Protein backbone atom coordinates (compact mmCIF):
# COMPACT_ATOMS: atom_id res chain seq x y z
CA MET A 1 -18.00 24.65 32.92
CA TRP A 2 -16.95 21.01 32.53
CA ASP A 3 -14.64 21.03 35.55
CA GLU A 4 -17.60 22.25 37.58
CA ARG A 5 -19.94 19.65 36.10
CA TYR A 6 -17.55 16.82 36.90
CA SER A 7 -16.55 18.08 40.35
CA GLY A 8 -19.12 16.07 42.33
CA THR A 9 -18.72 12.49 43.46
CA GLU A 10 -21.59 11.43 41.21
CA PHE A 11 -20.90 10.64 37.55
CA ALA A 12 -22.78 13.13 35.37
CA PHE A 13 -23.51 10.58 32.64
CA GLY A 14 -23.21 7.42 34.71
CA THR A 15 -20.47 4.79 34.61
CA GLU A 16 -21.91 2.47 31.97
CA PRO A 17 -20.82 2.78 28.32
CA ASN A 18 -22.88 4.38 25.61
CA ASP A 19 -25.33 1.91 24.04
CA PHE A 20 -24.22 2.56 20.46
CA LEU A 21 -20.59 2.00 21.39
CA ARG A 22 -21.55 -1.24 23.11
CA GLU A 23 -23.29 -2.34 19.91
CA THR A 24 -20.42 -1.47 17.56
CA PHE A 25 -17.11 -1.86 19.42
CA GLU A 26 -16.53 -5.29 17.85
CA GLN A 27 -15.86 -3.44 14.58
CA ILE A 28 -12.57 -2.28 16.14
CA PRO A 29 -9.57 -4.51 15.35
CA VAL A 30 -8.93 -6.80 18.32
CA GLY A 31 -6.51 -5.34 20.87
CA GLY A 32 -6.20 -2.12 18.91
CA HIS A 33 -5.29 1.41 19.96
CA VAL A 34 -8.37 3.56 20.50
CA LEU A 35 -8.70 7.33 20.92
CA CYS A 36 -11.80 8.56 22.79
CA LEU A 37 -12.70 12.21 22.13
CA ALA A 38 -14.27 14.51 24.74
CA GLU A 39 -14.28 11.51 27.06
CA GLY A 40 -15.15 13.30 30.28
CA GLU A 41 -15.37 10.94 33.25
CA GLY A 42 -14.21 7.94 31.25
CA ARG A 43 -17.10 5.48 31.10
CA ASN A 44 -16.57 4.62 27.42
CA ALA A 45 -12.77 4.49 27.66
CA VAL A 46 -12.93 2.19 30.68
CA PHE A 47 -15.41 -0.09 28.92
CA LEU A 48 -13.10 -0.38 25.92
CA ALA A 49 -10.11 -1.09 28.16
CA GLU A 50 -12.14 -3.88 29.74
CA GLN A 51 -12.53 -5.37 26.24
CA GLY A 52 -8.75 -5.50 25.83
CA PHE A 53 -8.14 -2.31 23.84
CA LYS A 54 -5.32 0.15 24.51
CA VAL A 55 -7.22 3.37 25.17
CA THR A 56 -6.27 7.03 25.20
CA ALA A 57 -8.95 9.39 26.52
CA ILE A 58 -8.75 13.12 25.84
CA ASP A 59 -10.89 15.90 27.28
CA MET A 60 -10.64 19.58 28.18
CA SER A 61 -11.47 18.80 31.82
CA GLU A 62 -8.67 17.57 34.07
CA VAL A 63 -11.31 17.01 36.77
CA GLY A 64 -13.23 14.66 34.49
CA LEU A 65 -10.12 12.74 33.47
CA ASN A 66 -9.06 12.32 37.09
CA LYS A 67 -12.40 10.60 37.68
CA ALA A 68 -11.79 8.53 34.54
CA ASN A 69 -8.50 7.26 35.93
CA LYS A 70 -10.14 6.43 39.25
CA LEU A 71 -12.94 4.56 37.48
CA ALA A 72 -10.37 2.59 35.50
CA LYS A 73 -8.45 1.72 38.65
CA ASP A 74 -11.66 0.65 40.40
CA ARG A 75 -12.46 -1.61 37.42
CA GLY A 76 -8.97 -3.10 37.33
CA VAL A 77 -7.88 -1.65 33.98
CA ALA A 78 -5.55 1.10 32.80
CA ILE A 79 -6.18 3.95 30.38
CA THR A 80 -4.05 6.86 29.20
CA THR A 81 -5.54 10.32 29.75
CA GLN A 82 -4.57 13.64 28.23
CA VAL A 83 -6.00 17.10 28.80
CA ALA A 84 -6.50 18.48 25.30
CA ASP A 85 -8.62 20.86 23.24
CA LEU A 86 -10.05 19.41 20.03
CA ALA A 87 -9.69 22.84 18.42
CA ASN A 88 -5.93 22.29 18.10
CA TYR A 89 -5.36 18.61 18.76
CA ASN A 90 -3.02 16.74 16.40
CA PHE A 91 -4.40 13.25 15.77
CA GLY A 92 -1.24 11.91 14.15
CA GLN A 93 -0.91 9.66 11.10
CA ASP A 94 -1.80 5.95 10.82
CA LYS A 95 -1.89 5.91 14.61
CA TRP A 96 -5.30 4.63 15.73
CA ASP A 97 -7.31 1.47 15.12
CA ALA A 98 -10.40 3.40 16.19
CA ILE A 99 -11.47 6.91 17.11
CA VAL A 100 -14.62 7.19 19.22
CA SER A 101 -16.73 10.34 19.45
CA ILE A 102 -19.72 10.07 21.80
CA TRP A 103 -21.67 13.29 22.38
CA ALA A 104 -18.67 15.45 21.38
CA HIS A 105 -20.64 18.55 20.44
CA VAL A 106 -18.21 21.19 19.24
CA PRO A 107 -18.51 24.33 17.08
CA GLU A 108 -18.70 23.79 13.33
CA THR A 109 -15.15 24.95 12.66
CA VAL A 110 -13.77 22.55 15.27
CA ARG A 111 -15.85 19.67 13.92
CA GLN A 112 -14.51 20.26 10.42
CA TYR A 113 -10.94 20.48 11.76
CA VAL A 114 -11.40 17.15 13.56
CA HIS A 115 -13.10 15.42 10.63
CA ALA A 116 -10.35 16.52 8.25
CA GLN A 117 -7.84 14.52 10.31
CA ILE A 118 -9.79 11.31 10.95
CA SER A 119 -8.92 9.31 7.84
CA THR A 120 -5.23 10.20 8.02
CA ALA A 121 -5.09 9.39 11.74
CA LEU A 122 -6.68 5.94 11.37
CA LYS A 123 -4.68 2.88 10.45
CA PRO A 124 -5.91 0.87 7.43
CA GLU A 125 -9.23 -0.80 8.37
CA GLY A 126 -9.53 1.51 11.37
CA VAL A 127 -12.99 2.78 12.30
CA PHE A 128 -14.58 6.03 13.42
CA ILE A 129 -17.55 5.50 15.76
CA VAL A 130 -19.85 8.46 16.42
CA GLU A 131 -23.08 9.19 18.24
CA ALA A 132 -24.36 12.74 18.58
CA TYR A 133 -27.62 14.54 19.15
CA THR A 134 -29.29 16.08 16.10
CA GLU A 135 -31.14 19.39 16.00
CA ARG A 136 -34.42 17.47 16.29
CA GLN A 137 -33.46 16.99 19.94
CA LEU A 138 -34.82 20.49 20.56
CA GLU A 139 -38.30 19.21 19.60
CA THR A 140 -38.21 16.40 22.19
CA GLU A 141 -38.75 16.40 25.95
CA ALA A 142 -35.51 14.50 26.50
CA VAL A 143 -32.61 15.75 28.60
CA GLY A 144 -29.29 16.12 26.77
CA GLY A 145 -27.54 17.92 23.95
CA PRO A 146 -26.58 21.52 23.19
CA PRO A 147 -28.98 24.38 23.87
CA ALA A 148 -30.92 26.07 21.07
CA SER A 149 -28.40 28.92 21.14
CA GLN A 150 -25.69 26.48 19.96
CA ARG A 151 -27.42 24.82 17.02
CA GLU A 152 -24.17 24.49 15.06
CA ARG A 153 -22.97 21.96 17.64
CA PHE A 154 -25.62 19.40 16.77
CA GLY A 155 -24.66 16.41 14.63
CA ALA A 156 -26.06 15.62 11.20
CA LEU A 157 -25.54 12.56 9.02
CA GLU A 158 -25.06 14.78 5.97
CA ASN A 159 -22.08 16.47 7.63
CA PHE A 160 -20.42 13.15 8.44
CA GLN A 161 -20.94 11.88 4.91
CA HIS A 162 -19.51 15.04 3.31
CA GLU A 163 -16.66 15.76 5.70
CA LEU A 164 -15.23 12.31 6.45
CA VAL A 165 -13.41 11.87 3.17
CA GLY A 166 -11.54 8.58 2.96
CA LEU A 167 -13.96 6.53 5.06
CA ASN A 168 -16.47 3.98 3.84
CA GLU A 169 -19.82 4.29 5.58
CA VAL A 170 -20.71 1.14 7.53
CA ILE A 171 -23.57 2.63 9.56
CA GLY A 172 -25.21 5.98 8.94
CA VAL A 173 -28.61 6.81 10.43
CA GLU A 174 -30.59 9.54 12.13
CA LYS A 175 -33.29 8.24 14.46
CA LEU A 176 -35.11 8.53 17.77
CA ARG A 177 -33.94 6.23 20.55
CA MET A 178 -34.23 5.96 24.32
CA VAL A 179 -31.14 7.23 26.10
CA SER A 180 -30.48 6.68 29.80
CA GLU A 181 -27.05 7.86 30.93
CA GLY A 182 -26.88 9.38 34.40
CA LYS A 183 -29.04 12.42 35.12
CA ARG A 184 -27.92 14.47 32.15
CA HIS A 185 -28.94 12.17 29.27
CA GLN A 186 -32.46 10.83 29.64
CA GLY A 187 -35.48 10.18 27.44
CA LEU A 188 -36.52 9.57 23.85
CA SER A 189 -33.76 11.38 22.00
CA ALA A 190 -32.96 12.47 18.44
CA VAL A 191 -29.55 11.11 17.48
CA VAL A 192 -27.24 10.45 14.58
CA GLN A 193 -25.17 7.27 14.58
CA PHE A 194 -22.24 6.74 12.25
CA VAL A 195 -19.50 4.19 11.74
CA GLY A 196 -16.95 4.81 9.02
CA LYS A 197 -14.11 2.48 8.07
CA LYS A 198 -10.82 3.29 6.39
CA ALA A 199 -10.02 1.03 3.47
CA ARG A 200 -7.22 -1.51 3.56
CA ASN A 201 -4.09 -0.25 1.79
């Protein structure tokens, strides 16, 4: 599915970074190592590389990551890409200054598997930055997010607060906001935004 979606010359979600990431990236330690989850065609990873971070982008789609590398080259920066499935990805220990999850809508069991690793994988004072659609998205006329048949893939602040043990909540909110990212994310959308920070040792 994702290889097909990313196969065209057009960027499915545009080439500009996510607005919430743009608002919060300064929470990441300067020059730090950042892991971008389900990064697709690379717009967020490339943006972070432009800010001086060392970025690894993972996604299930090799087609998407090839476009990410091309975008990085066109912008004069370098990123590391890795084809990977979040269902069995090992995040490592004390490895990342930030982990970024933008619209990474996965099944509940995969989300819990990922969340269980976040605190361990972050270095002290590392941050986890998340934006996801909530189930209220189904009540809007906006374009974006999982279909009604995949409700378990929607984000919820309550899940982040309960599952991300070891992080201090810096930002945690569910709200409506305008989203404009390529053709596939458009309109007044129901989202959850979360930033969690690991304590200093």
